[in-house]
C-alpha atoms as a PDB file:
ATOM      1  CA  UNK A   1       3.379  -1.859 -16.180  1.00  0.00           C
ATOM      2  CA  UNK A   2       5.269  -2.226 -13.358  1.00  0.00           C
ATOM      3  CA  UNK A   3       3.279  -4.538 -10.650  1.00  0.00           C
ATOM      4  CA  UNK A   4       3.520  -2.807  -7.252  1.00  0.00           C
ATOM      5  CA  UNK A   5       4.597  -5.598  -4.618  1.00  0.00           C
ATOM      6  CA  UNK A   6       2.465  -5.812  -1.613  1.00  0.00           C
ATOM      7  CA  UNK A   7       3.289  -7.206   1.839  1.00  0.00           C
ATOM      8  CA  UNK A   8       1.485  -8.631   4.603  1.00  0.00           C
ATOM      9  CA  UNK A   9       3.672  -6.433   7.228  1.00  0.00           C
ATOM     10  CA  UNK A  10       6.158  -3.401   5.668  1.00  0.00           C
ATOM     11  CA  UNK A  11       9.476  -4.663   6.072  1.00  0.00           C
ATOM     12  CA  UNK A  12      10.205  -0.965   6.177  1.00  0.00           C
ATOM     13  CA  UNK A  13       8.107  -0.848   9.796  1.00  0.00           C
ATOM     14  CA  UNK A  14       9.223  -1.463  13.428  1.00  0.00           C
ATOM     15  CA  UNK A  15       7.823  -5.264  12.965  1.00  0.00           C
ATOM     16  CA  UNK A  16       8.754  -5.984   9.874  1.00  0.00           C
ATOM     17  CA  UNK A  17      12.132  -4.909  11.159  1.00  0.00           C
ATOM     18  CA  UNK A  18      11.862  -7.069  14.281  1.00  0.00           C
ATOM     19  CA  UNK A  19      11.097  -9.617  12.147  1.00  0.00           C
ATOM     20  CA  UNK A  20      13.884  -9.176  10.321  1.00  0.00           C
ATOM     21  CA  UNK A  21      16.040  -9.459  13.070  1.00  0.00           C
ATOM     22  CA  UNK A  22      14.536 -12.611  14.285  1.00  0.00           C
ATOM     23  CA  UNK A  23      14.814 -14.665  11.245  1.00  0.00           C
ATOM     24  CA  UNK A  24      18.522 -13.292  10.805  1.00  0.00           C
ATOM     25  CA  UNK A  25      19.087 -14.588  14.624  1.00  0.00           C
ATOM     26  CA  UNK A  26      17.664 -17.848  13.781  1.00  0.00           C
ATOM     27  CA  UNK A  27      19.836 -18.153  10.631  1.00  0.00           C
ATOM     28  CA  UNK A  28      23.022 -17.552  12.719  1.00  0.00           C
ATOM     29  CA  UNK A  29      22.239 -19.977  15.261  1.00  0.00           C
ATOM     30  CA  UNK A  30      22.131 -22.723  12.624  1.00  0.00           C
ATOM     31  CA  UNK A  31      24.790 -21.764  10.188  1.00  0.00           C
ATOM     32  CA  UNK A  32      28.668 -23.337  11.156  1.00  0.00           C
ATOM     33  CA  UNK A  33      30.263 -22.038   7.549  1.00  0.00           C
ATOM     34  CA  UNK A  34      32.514 -19.139   9.396  1.00  0.00           C
ATOM     35  CA  UNK A  35      32.234 -16.849   6.162  1.00  0.00           C
ATOM     36  CA  UNK A  36      28.686 -17.098   6.269  1.00  0.00           C
ATOM     37  CA  UNK A  37      28.117 -16.107   9.579  1.00  0.00           C
ATOM     38  CA  UNK A  38      30.454 -13.406   9.450  1.00  0.00           C
ATOM     39  CA  UNK A  39      27.680 -12.234   6.372  1.00  0.00           C
ATOM     40  CA  UNK A  40      24.647 -13.066   8.301  1.00  0.00           C
ATOM     41  CA  UNK A  41      26.361 -10.868  11.459  1.00  0.00           C
ATOM     42  CA  UNK A  42      26.509  -8.304   9.488  1.00  0.00           C
ATOM     43  CA  UNK A  43      23.324  -8.452   8.257  1.00  0.00           C
ATOM     44  CA  UNK A  44      22.190  -8.566  11.755  1.00  0.00           C
ATOM     45  CA  UNK A  45      23.766  -5.886  12.278  1.00  0.00           C
ATOM     46  CA  UNK A  46      22.624  -3.548   9.927  1.00  0.00           C
ATOM     47  CA  UNK A  47      18.972  -4.536  11.071  1.00  0.00           C
ATOM     48  CA  UNK A  48      19.757  -3.495  14.578  1.00  0.00           C
ATOM     49  CA  UNK A  49      20.730  -0.441  13.499  1.00  0.00           C
ATOM     50  CA  UNK A  50      17.637  -0.106  11.818  1.00  0.00           C
ATOM     51  CA  UNK A  51      15.497  -1.202  14.901  1.00  0.00           C
ATOM     52  CA  UNK A  52      17.053   1.285  17.166  1.00  0.00           C
ATOM     53  CA  UNK A  53      16.183   4.201  14.673  1.00  0.00           C
ATOM     54  CA  UNK A  54      12.718   2.960  14.671  1.00  0.00           C
ATOM     55  CA  UNK A  55      12.642   3.215  17.642  1.00  0.00           C
ATOM     56  CA  UNK A  56      13.868   6.155  18.689  1.00  0.00           C
ATOM     57  CA  UNK A  57      11.415   8.020  16.158  1.00  0.00           C
ATOM     58  CA  UNK A  58       8.740   6.339  17.731  1.00  0.00           C
ATOM     59  CA  UNK A  59       9.993   7.759  21.060  1.00  0.00           C
ATOM     60  CA  UNK A  60      10.721  11.029  20.328  1.00  0.00           C
END
């Protein structure tokens, strides 16, 4: 049987997305390797898109 994963904050929620953005931002500030920074920047951009979509759904 597979066990369900439980989160204190749903990662697909508005709050979960905001937390993910903050995490990637802090990670980007601390990283010095340019290749790793590029990958973090991509993850940050994807999180920003997710947040924008969630915000648009909330307003609509």
